[in-house]
Structure formats: C-alpha cells, structure tokens
C-alpha cells in the first residue's frame, strides 16, 4: 500500500505541475469534499456504519492509560477522540484526492468499454465491475446487509443464519472476488482507452484545414505512451484495497474459513524473572539479560495496547473509505463524461 500510495502521490503532483489545465483545482476541490465527507461519516453511529472504530479507540485509550500508569506517568490518554478523528479525516481527504483522477478515468473507460462490448455477458460484467465499490460500501451498512443477512425476517420469527465471525469472513471473500473481477476486466478497459486514438483521428478528419503526418503521429503516440499511467491509475487503487483487506484479515484476527473455530485465549505470564537473573548470572551478563527482558516485556505490553479491536476498526474504515472514494469519483466521472462533455 505504501508503494501504491507513493505512485498515486507522484501522479497527483504531476497534475499540480500543469499550469494551463484545471487538474490542480479538481484535486483541491475533491480533497475538501472528501474531508467534509469523512467528518460526516465519522459522526455516524455504529448502528448504521459498523466499523468498530469507537470500540477500538476506547480499547486503545484505556490500554494506553494503564500502560502509562504502570510506568509511573499520569495521563488522560495518548490522544483525544476529537483529535484522532480530525487527523483521520485529513488522511482520508488525501486518499480521496489521490483517487480522484483514477475514478474519473475509470468512468470514461467504462463508457468506452460498454460501447465496444457486443456480448451481453461482457456488458453485465462491466456493470458489476463498475458497481463493485458500491457493493463493498454496503457491506458495512448494518441495516442493509448485516441485519438482513445474519437475521433475515422469516415470517414472524427471525432465524439467525450465521455468526458475526462468519459474516466477517464472507465480507472479506466478497471483496477479494470483486477485486479479482476488476483485475480480469482490466484488458477491456485498457483496450477501450487505446481506441481513443482512433476517435481522435476521426475527429481530426472532420476539422477544416490540412493536418500534417507528423502531428497525426504525435497524437497517436501520445495516447499509447500514456497507457502506462492509465494502467497505474487502474491497478493502484485495486492494490490499495487488497492490501487493506489482507491487513484487516491478519491484524484484525479474522479467518478465511466460513465457519472459523473459536480462538482460545490463554493467559500469558509477563512477569520478570529478575531474582533468578541476579542470583545465577554475573553482574554484567545479568544487567544485559534484565535489559533484554525489560524490552521484551515492553514489546508485549505494546501488543496489549494495539489490539485486534483497534486494527479491526481502523482497517475496516480505511477499506470502506477507499471503496467509497472510488465509487464517488467514478460516479461523478460517469455523470461528467455522459452529460457535461460536448461530443
């Protein structure tokens, strides 16, 4: 995710270097838009958007306070909830700004790919691929998905079909499948972009005056050279989404099994063997062993602070946010290319 974020950052800085175009204004506008949107989303309660962010932050704050108290430090917590959400909204606005042009480009390629597709199956897959981020967004909307899937109303009684762990696993698998579908449809979208060269040639033929062969070759070559940027804009958000999903599975302590076995939580003894170290070892080796033991215990204490509850809430929100940004920008791009551009 770090590499792909760096790639998107490099592409965005290239748009800021352009003086004539309006790419800079588009990035800044969408950045402010996503900042306001992130602040609004972070206000929504867990009854509607169930990320577990509130529970994870509360667990993190309480564990950090206990850790600081054991170290003899008085603190009310590492950071307040308002500050945490403010910096998280800033980070979300940067992600939204980076995903602006990939979403706009995807909308244009989607329309061109639909015009090229002749089979109904291909057109259906293209529509599903375009709506894939929306399906991912709805997976965390509790009244729409979780309540109806886990406890569907069957007559007067609601029969639970699955547990929360099973639903979390199905959600991860559905994101993986939708990402695989988007990767499979990459060839159709890139071919639709390459056909822009033919459209440009046809448009130039309609214009009055002579057109030199050199200008025509430059125009066609420009489309083919820019294909690398288009491929990066198509793949980078996909890799970011897959990365956050896999991190959610690993750090959030989820399972790939549909019916995962309950994980047994055994108590861990973090006591320091200080007496045995001082009594059995010489002074120099004993001090070194005590230092190593203290570092090990400190690292294990950090594991109690950064718990799976915190990672579940944070990574669930980031996964949902990336999908929401992709769908918002692609939907705006669809409206722009279909209704605002002049044919």
Protein backbone atom coordinates (compact mmCIF):
# COMPACT_ATOMS: atom_id res chain seq x y z
CA UNK A 1 0.00 0.00 0.00
CA UNK A 2 2.90 2.33 0.73
CA UNK A 3 4.33 1.84 -2.77
CA UNK A 4 0.98 2.36 -4.49
CA UNK A 5 0.27 5.44 -2.37
CA UNK A 6 3.64 6.80 -3.44
CA UNK A 7 2.76 6.14 -7.09
CA UNK A 8 -0.58 7.92 -6.76
CA UNK A 9 1.15 10.79 -4.94
CA UNK A 10 3.65 11.13 -7.80
CA UNK A 11 0.85 11.18 -10.37
CA UNK A 12 -1.07 13.78 -8.36
CA UNK A 13 1.98 16.02 -8.03
CA UNK A 14 2.36 15.83 -11.82
CA UNK A 15 -1.17 17.21 -12.18
CA UNK A 16 -0.23 20.08 -9.83
CA UNK A 17 2.71 21.00 -12.07
CA UNK A 18 0.42 21.61 -15.05
CA UNK A 19 -0.26 25.35 -15.30
CA UNK A 20 -2.81 25.51 -18.11
CA UNK A 21 -5.22 22.71 -17.17
CA UNK A 22 -7.66 22.62 -14.30
CA UNK A 23 -6.32 19.41 -12.75
CA UNK A 24 -4.97 21.26 -9.71
CA UNK A 25 -8.36 22.80 -8.96
CA UNK A 26 -10.05 19.42 -9.38
CA UNK A 27 -7.70 17.75 -6.87
CA UNK A 28 -8.08 20.56 -4.31
CA UNK A 29 -11.87 20.62 -4.69
CA UNK A 30 -12.23 16.88 -4.26
CA UNK A 31 -9.79 16.98 -1.33
CA UNK A 32 -12.03 19.44 0.53
CA UNK A 33 -15.11 17.46 -0.49
CA UNK A 34 -13.71 14.21 0.91
CA UNK A 35 -12.57 15.96 4.10
CA UNK A 36 -16.11 17.14 4.79
CA UNK A 37 -17.45 13.72 3.81
CA UNK A 38 -15.03 11.96 6.16
CA UNK A 39 -16.03 14.22 9.06
CA UNK A 40 -19.68 13.48 8.36
CA UNK A 41 -19.06 9.72 8.16
CA UNK A 42 -17.10 9.71 11.44
CA UNK A 43 -20.10 11.26 13.19
CA UNK A 44 -22.43 8.44 12.14
CA UNK A 45 -23.11 5.97 14.94
CA UNK A 46 -22.24 2.28 14.91
CA UNK A 47 -25.92 1.43 14.43
CA UNK A 48 -25.62 2.41 10.76
CA UNK A 49 -21.93 2.08 9.83
CA UNK A 50 -20.45 -0.72 11.87
CA UNK A 51 -16.68 -0.30 11.64
CA UNK A 52 -15.91 -0.90 15.30
CA UNK A 53 -13.87 2.31 15.32
CA UNK A 54 -15.39 3.60 18.56
CA UNK A 55 -14.80 0.31 20.37
CA UNK A 56 -11.26 0.03 19.03
CA UNK A 57 -10.32 3.58 20.02
CA UNK A 58 -11.79 3.14 23.50
CA UNK A 59 -9.84 -0.08 23.98
CA UNK A 60 -6.67 1.60 22.72
CA UNK A 61 -7.10 4.61 25.01
CA UNK A 62 -7.80 2.50 28.10
CA UNK A 63 -4.86 0.17 27.43
CA UNK A 64 -2.53 3.12 26.85
CA UNK A 65 -3.62 4.75 30.10
CA UNK A 66 -2.97 1.53 32.02
CA UNK A 67 0.43 1.19 30.40
CA UNK A 68 1.38 4.75 31.32
CA UNK A 69 0.17 4.28 34.88
CA UNK A 70 2.37 1.20 35.24
CA UNK A 71 5.31 3.30 34.08
CA UNK A 72 4.54 5.88 36.76
CA UNK A 73 3.17 8.51 34.40
CA UNK A 74 -0.11 10.32 34.87
CA UNK A 75 -2.05 10.80 31.65
CA UNK A 76 -5.64 11.03 30.47
CA UNK A 77 -4.82 9.16 27.27
CA UNK A 78 -2.45 9.45 24.31
CA UNK A 79 -4.88 11.50 22.21
CA UNK A 80 -8.46 12.67 22.44
CA UNK A 81 -11.20 11.21 20.31
CA UNK A 82 -11.82 14.51 18.51
CA UNK A 83 -8.13 14.89 17.60
CA UNK A 84 -7.99 11.28 16.43
CA UNK A 85 -10.97 11.74 14.14
CA UNK A 86 -9.65 15.07 12.85
CA UNK A 87 -6.31 13.61 11.73
CA UNK A 88 -8.09 10.56 10.36
CA UNK A 89 -10.33 12.85 8.29
CA UNK A 90 -7.23 14.67 6.97
CA UNK A 91 -5.70 11.36 5.95
CA UNK A 92 -8.98 10.37 4.28
CA UNK A 93 -9.04 13.64 2.33
CA UNK A 94 -5.56 12.87 0.97
CA UNK A 95 -6.69 9.40 -0.10
CA UNK A 96 -9.72 10.92 -1.81
CA UNK A 97 -7.56 13.46 -3.64
CA UNK A 98 -5.22 10.72 -4.84
CA UNK A 99 -8.14 8.60 -6.08
CA UNK A 100 -9.87 11.46 -7.92
CA UNK A 101 -8.36 11.03 -11.37
CA UNK A 102 -8.28 7.19 -11.24
CA UNK A 103 -12.04 7.30 -10.63
CA UNK A 104 -12.66 9.85 -13.38
CA UNK A 105 -10.55 7.85 -15.83
CA UNK A 106 -12.35 4.63 -14.89
CA UNK A 107 -15.71 6.21 -15.72
CA UNK A 108 -14.53 7.20 -19.19
CA UNK A 109 -13.06 3.75 -19.87
CA UNK A 110 -16.27 2.14 -18.60
CA UNK A 111 -18.39 4.05 -21.11
CA UNK A 112 -15.99 3.30 -23.95
CA UNK A 113 -15.81 -0.39 -22.99
CA UNK A 114 -19.60 -0.63 -22.97
CA UNK A 115 -19.72 0.81 -26.49
CA UNK A 116 -17.18 -1.75 -27.67
CA UNK A 117 -18.76 -4.75 -25.93
CA UNK A 118 -21.12 -6.77 -28.10
CA UNK A 119 -21.91 -9.71 -25.81
CA UNK A 120 -24.44 -9.44 -23.02
CA UNK A 121 -22.19 -11.30 -20.59
CA UNK A 122 -19.36 -8.82 -21.11
CA UNK A 123 -21.71 -5.88 -20.63
CA UNK A 124 -23.08 -7.43 -17.43
CA UNK A 125 -19.58 -7.99 -16.06
CA UNK A 126 -18.67 -4.40 -16.90
CA UNK A 127 -21.70 -3.12 -14.98
CA UNK A 128 -20.89 -5.34 -12.00
CA UNK A 129 -17.27 -4.17 -12.13
CA UNK A 130 -18.34 -0.54 -12.09
CA UNK A 131 -20.73 -1.13 -9.17
CA UNK A 132 -18.23 -3.27 -7.22
CA UNK A 133 -17.15 -0.39 -4.90
CA UNK A 134 -20.81 0.26 -4.10
CA UNK A 135 -21.27 -3.38 -3.07
CA UNK A 136 -18.20 -3.06 -0.83
CA UNK A 137 -19.59 0.12 0.74
CA UNK A 138 -22.91 -1.56 1.51
CA UNK A 139 -21.16 -4.42 3.31
CA UNK A 140 -20.57 -2.15 6.33
CA UNK A 141 -24.04 -0.56 6.32
CA UNK A 142 -25.60 -2.52 9.16
CA UNK A 143 -29.35 -2.02 8.46
CA UNK A 144 -28.97 -3.03 4.80
CA UNK A 145 -26.61 -6.01 4.87
CA UNK A 146 -25.70 -7.36 8.29
CA UNK A 147 -29.15 -7.27 9.87
CA UNK A 148 -30.80 -8.92 6.86
CA UNK A 149 -28.09 -11.48 6.19
CA UNK A 150 -27.42 -12.60 9.75
CA UNK A 151 -31.03 -12.39 10.97
CA UNK A 152 -33.37 -12.40 7.96
CA UNK A 153 -37.05 -11.88 8.82
CA UNK A 154 -38.78 -15.18 8.00
CA UNK A 155 -42.41 -14.74 8.89
CA UNK A 156 -42.91 -13.72 12.50
CA UNK A 157 -39.55 -15.05 13.66
CA UNK A 158 -36.00 -14.15 12.64
CA UNK A 159 -33.76 -17.18 12.24
CA UNK A 160 -30.00 -16.43 12.57
CA UNK A 161 -28.20 -17.82 9.52
CA UNK A 162 -24.61 -17.16 10.58
CA UNK A 163 -22.43 -15.74 13.29
CA UNK A 164 -20.58 -12.44 13.22
CA UNK A 165 -17.27 -14.20 12.55
CA UNK A 166 -18.78 -15.96 9.53
CA UNK A 167 -20.20 -12.69 8.23
CA UNK A 168 -16.79 -11.00 8.59
CA UNK A 169 -15.20 -13.85 6.64
CA UNK A 170 -17.80 -13.66 3.87
CA UNK A 171 -17.25 -9.91 3.66
CA UNK A 172 -13.52 -10.42 3.15
CA UNK A 173 -14.09 -13.09 0.50
CA UNK A 174 -16.58 -10.90 -1.37
CA UNK A 175 -14.07 -8.05 -1.52
CA UNK A 176 -11.41 -10.44 -2.85
CA UNK A 177 -13.80 -11.73 -5.54
CA UNK A 178 -14.81 -8.23 -6.64
CA UNK A 179 -11.16 -7.18 -6.82
CA UNK A 180 -10.39 -10.27 -8.92
CA UNK A 181 -13.26 -9.31 -11.25
CA UNK A 182 -11.87 -5.81 -11.66
CA UNK A 183 -8.46 -7.24 -12.44
CA UNK A 184 -9.99 -9.60 -15.00
CA UNK A 185 -11.76 -6.69 -16.74
CA UNK A 186 -8.57 -4.66 -16.96
CA UNK A 187 -7.90 -5.72 -20.55
CA UNK A 188 -11.28 -4.45 -21.75
CA UNK A 189 -10.76 -1.08 -20.10
CA UNK A 190 -7.24 -0.60 -21.44
CA UNK A 191 -8.39 -1.55 -24.94
CA UNK A 192 -11.18 0.99 -24.65
CA UNK A 193 -8.60 3.63 -23.78
CA UNK A 194 -6.39 2.70 -26.74
CA UNK A 195 -9.37 3.19 -29.05
CA UNK A 196 -9.25 6.88 -28.15
CA UNK A 197 -6.52 7.20 -30.77
CA UNK A 198 -8.97 6.19 -33.50
CA UNK A 199 -11.54 8.62 -32.11
CA UNK A 200 -9.01 11.44 -32.19
CA UNK A 201 -8.09 10.61 -35.79
CA UNK A 202 -11.76 10.62 -36.82
CA UNK A 203 -12.27 13.93 -35.02
CA UNK A 204 -9.28 15.49 -36.77
CA UNK A 205 -10.59 14.37 -40.15
CA UNK A 206 -13.77 16.34 -39.55
CA UNK A 207 -11.86 19.55 -38.87
CA UNK A 208 -11.15 22.03 -41.62
CA UNK A 209 -7.62 22.52 -42.96
CA UNK A 210 -4.68 20.26 -43.56
CA UNK A 211 -3.18 18.04 -40.93
CA UNK A 212 0.47 17.07 -41.22
CA UNK A 213 1.51 13.45 -40.82
CA UNK A 214 3.90 14.37 -38.01
CA UNK A 215 1.12 15.90 -35.93
CA UNK A 216 -1.04 12.86 -36.53
CA UNK A 217 1.75 10.52 -35.42
CA UNK A 218 2.43 12.60 -32.30
CA UNK A 219 -1.23 12.49 -31.35
CA UNK A 220 -1.45 8.71 -31.73
CA UNK A 221 1.87 8.15 -29.94
CA UNK A 222 0.71 10.34 -27.05
CA UNK A 223 -2.21 8.01 -26.44
CA UNK A 224 -0.03 4.90 -26.45
CA UNK A 225 2.68 6.44 -24.25
CA UNK A 226 0.08 7.47 -21.66
CA UNK A 227 -1.11 3.87 -21.40
CA UNK A 228 1.39 3.21 -18.57
CA UNK A 229 -0.18 5.98 -16.48
CA UNK A 230 -3.66 4.63 -17.21
CA UNK A 231 -2.61 1.15 -16.12
CA UNK A 232 -1.19 2.54 -12.86
CA UNK A 233 -4.37 4.50 -12.21
CA UNK A 234 -6.37 1.33 -12.75
CA UNK A 235 -4.19 -1.04 -10.68
CA UNK A 236 -3.00 1.17 -7.80
CA UNK A 237 -6.43 1.63 -6.11
CA UNK A 238 -7.06 -2.08 -6.55
CA UNK A 239 -3.79 -2.97 -4.80
CA UNK A 240 -4.55 -0.49 -2.01
CA UNK A 241 -7.94 -2.11 -1.46
CA UNK A 242 -6.48 -5.61 -1.46
CA UNK A 243 -3.72 -4.53 0.92
CA UNK A 244 -6.12 -3.08 3.49
CA UNK A 245 -8.33 -6.16 3.19
CA UNK A 246 -5.44 -8.55 3.84
CA UNK A 247 -4.24 -6.40 6.73
CA UNK A 248 -7.77 -6.47 8.13
CA UNK A 249 -7.75 -10.25 7.99
CA UNK A 250 -4.31 -10.59 9.61
CA UNK A 251 -4.21 -7.79 12.19
CA UNK A 252 -7.93 -7.99 12.86
CA UNK A 253 -7.59 -11.67 13.78
CA UNK A 254 -10.12 -12.86 11.21
CA UNK A 255 -10.18 -16.22 9.46
CA UNK A 256 -10.53 -17.39 5.85
CA UNK A 257 -12.78 -20.27 6.90
CA UNK A 258 -16.52 -19.87 6.51
CA UNK A 259 -17.06 -21.45 9.91
CA UNK A 260 -13.92 -20.45 11.82
CA UNK A 261 -13.05 -22.24 15.03
CA UNK A 262 -13.05 -20.14 18.19
CA UNK A 263 -9.59 -18.92 19.10
CA UNK A 264 -8.63 -19.89 22.63
CA UNK A 265 -7.19 -17.00 24.59
CA UNK A 266 -4.70 -18.39 27.10
CA UNK A 267 -3.29 -16.14 29.80
CA UNK A 268 0.30 -15.06 29.18
CA UNK A 269 2.70 -14.60 32.02
CA UNK A 270 4.61 -11.35 31.62
CA UNK A 271 6.38 -11.48 34.94
CA UNK A 272 10.03 -10.54 35.04
CA UNK A 273 12.45 -13.27 36.21
CA UNK A 274 14.55 -10.65 37.94
CA UNK A 275 15.52 -12.70 41.02
CA UNK A 276 16.81 -15.66 39.07
CA UNK A 277 18.77 -13.42 36.71
CA UNK A 278 20.52 -11.56 39.51
CA UNK A 279 21.28 -14.67 41.51
CA UNK A 280 22.56 -17.01 38.81
CA UNK A 281 24.42 -14.72 36.41
CA UNK A 282 27.36 -12.36 36.82
CA UNK A 283 26.70 -8.66 37.13
CA UNK A 284 27.48 -7.63 33.51
CA UNK A 285 25.58 -10.51 31.91
CA UNK A 286 22.80 -10.10 34.45
CA UNK A 287 22.28 -6.43 33.56
CA UNK A 288 22.20 -7.27 29.87
CA UNK A 289 19.69 -10.07 30.43
CA UNK A 290 17.49 -7.81 32.55
CA UNK A 291 17.59 -5.14 29.83
CA UNK A 292 16.62 -7.63 27.15
CA UNK A 293 13.83 -8.97 29.37
CA UNK A 294 12.51 -5.48 30.03
CA UNK A 295 12.48 -4.71 26.30
CA UNK A 296 10.62 -7.97 25.62
CA UNK A 297 8.03 -7.17 28.28
CA UNK A 298 7.65 -3.62 26.91
CA UNK A 299 7.00 -5.01 23.42
CA UNK A 300 4.44 -7.44 24.80
CA UNK A 301 2.79 -4.51 26.59
CA UNK A 302 2.54 -2.70 23.26
CA UNK A 303 0.65 -5.71 21.91
CA UNK A 304 -1.89 -5.14 24.67
CA UNK A 305 -2.23 -1.51 23.53
CA UNK A 306 -2.50 -2.12 19.77
CA UNK A 307 -5.11 -4.86 19.99
CA UNK A 308 -7.03 -6.56 17.16
CA UNK A 309 -10.06 -4.44 18.13
CA UNK A 310 -8.17 -1.28 17.17
CA UNK A 311 -6.94 -2.74 13.88
CA UNK A 312 -10.40 -4.07 13.02
CA UNK A 313 -11.98 -0.67 13.43
CA UNK A 314 -9.25 1.30 11.69
CA UNK A 315 -8.68 -1.07 8.75
CA UNK A 316 -12.40 -1.65 8.26
CA UNK A 317 -12.89 2.10 7.98
CA UNK A 318 -9.96 2.51 5.57
CA UNK A 319 -11.18 -0.35 3.37
CA UNK A 320 -14.67 1.13 3.31
CA UNK A 321 -13.28 4.61 2.64
CA UNK A 322 -11.17 3.54 -0.35
CA UNK A 323 -14.20 1.82 -1.89
CA UNK A 324 -16.38 4.87 -1.16
CA UNK A 325 -13.86 7.24 -2.79
CA UNK A 326 -13.59 5.04 -5.87
CA UNK A 327 -17.35 4.88 -6.30
CA UNK A 328 -17.86 8.62 -5.65
CA UNK A 329 -15.23 9.74 -8.16
CA UNK A 330 -16.26 7.20 -10.80
CA UNK A 331 -19.93 8.17 -10.40
CA UNK A 332 -19.07 11.84 -10.84
CA UNK A 333 -16.91 10.93 -13.83
CA UNK A 334 -19.79 8.96 -15.35
CA UNK A 335 -22.09 11.96 -14.99
CA UNK A 336 -19.43 14.32 -16.38
CA UNK A 337 -18.48 12.27 -19.45
CA UNK A 338 -22.07 11.37 -20.28
CA UNK A 339 -23.86 14.68 -19.75
CA UNK A 340 -21.36 17.56 -19.44
CA UNK A 341 -18.86 16.88 -22.19
CA UNK A 342 -19.55 18.01 -25.73
CA UNK A 343 -19.45 15.21 -28.27
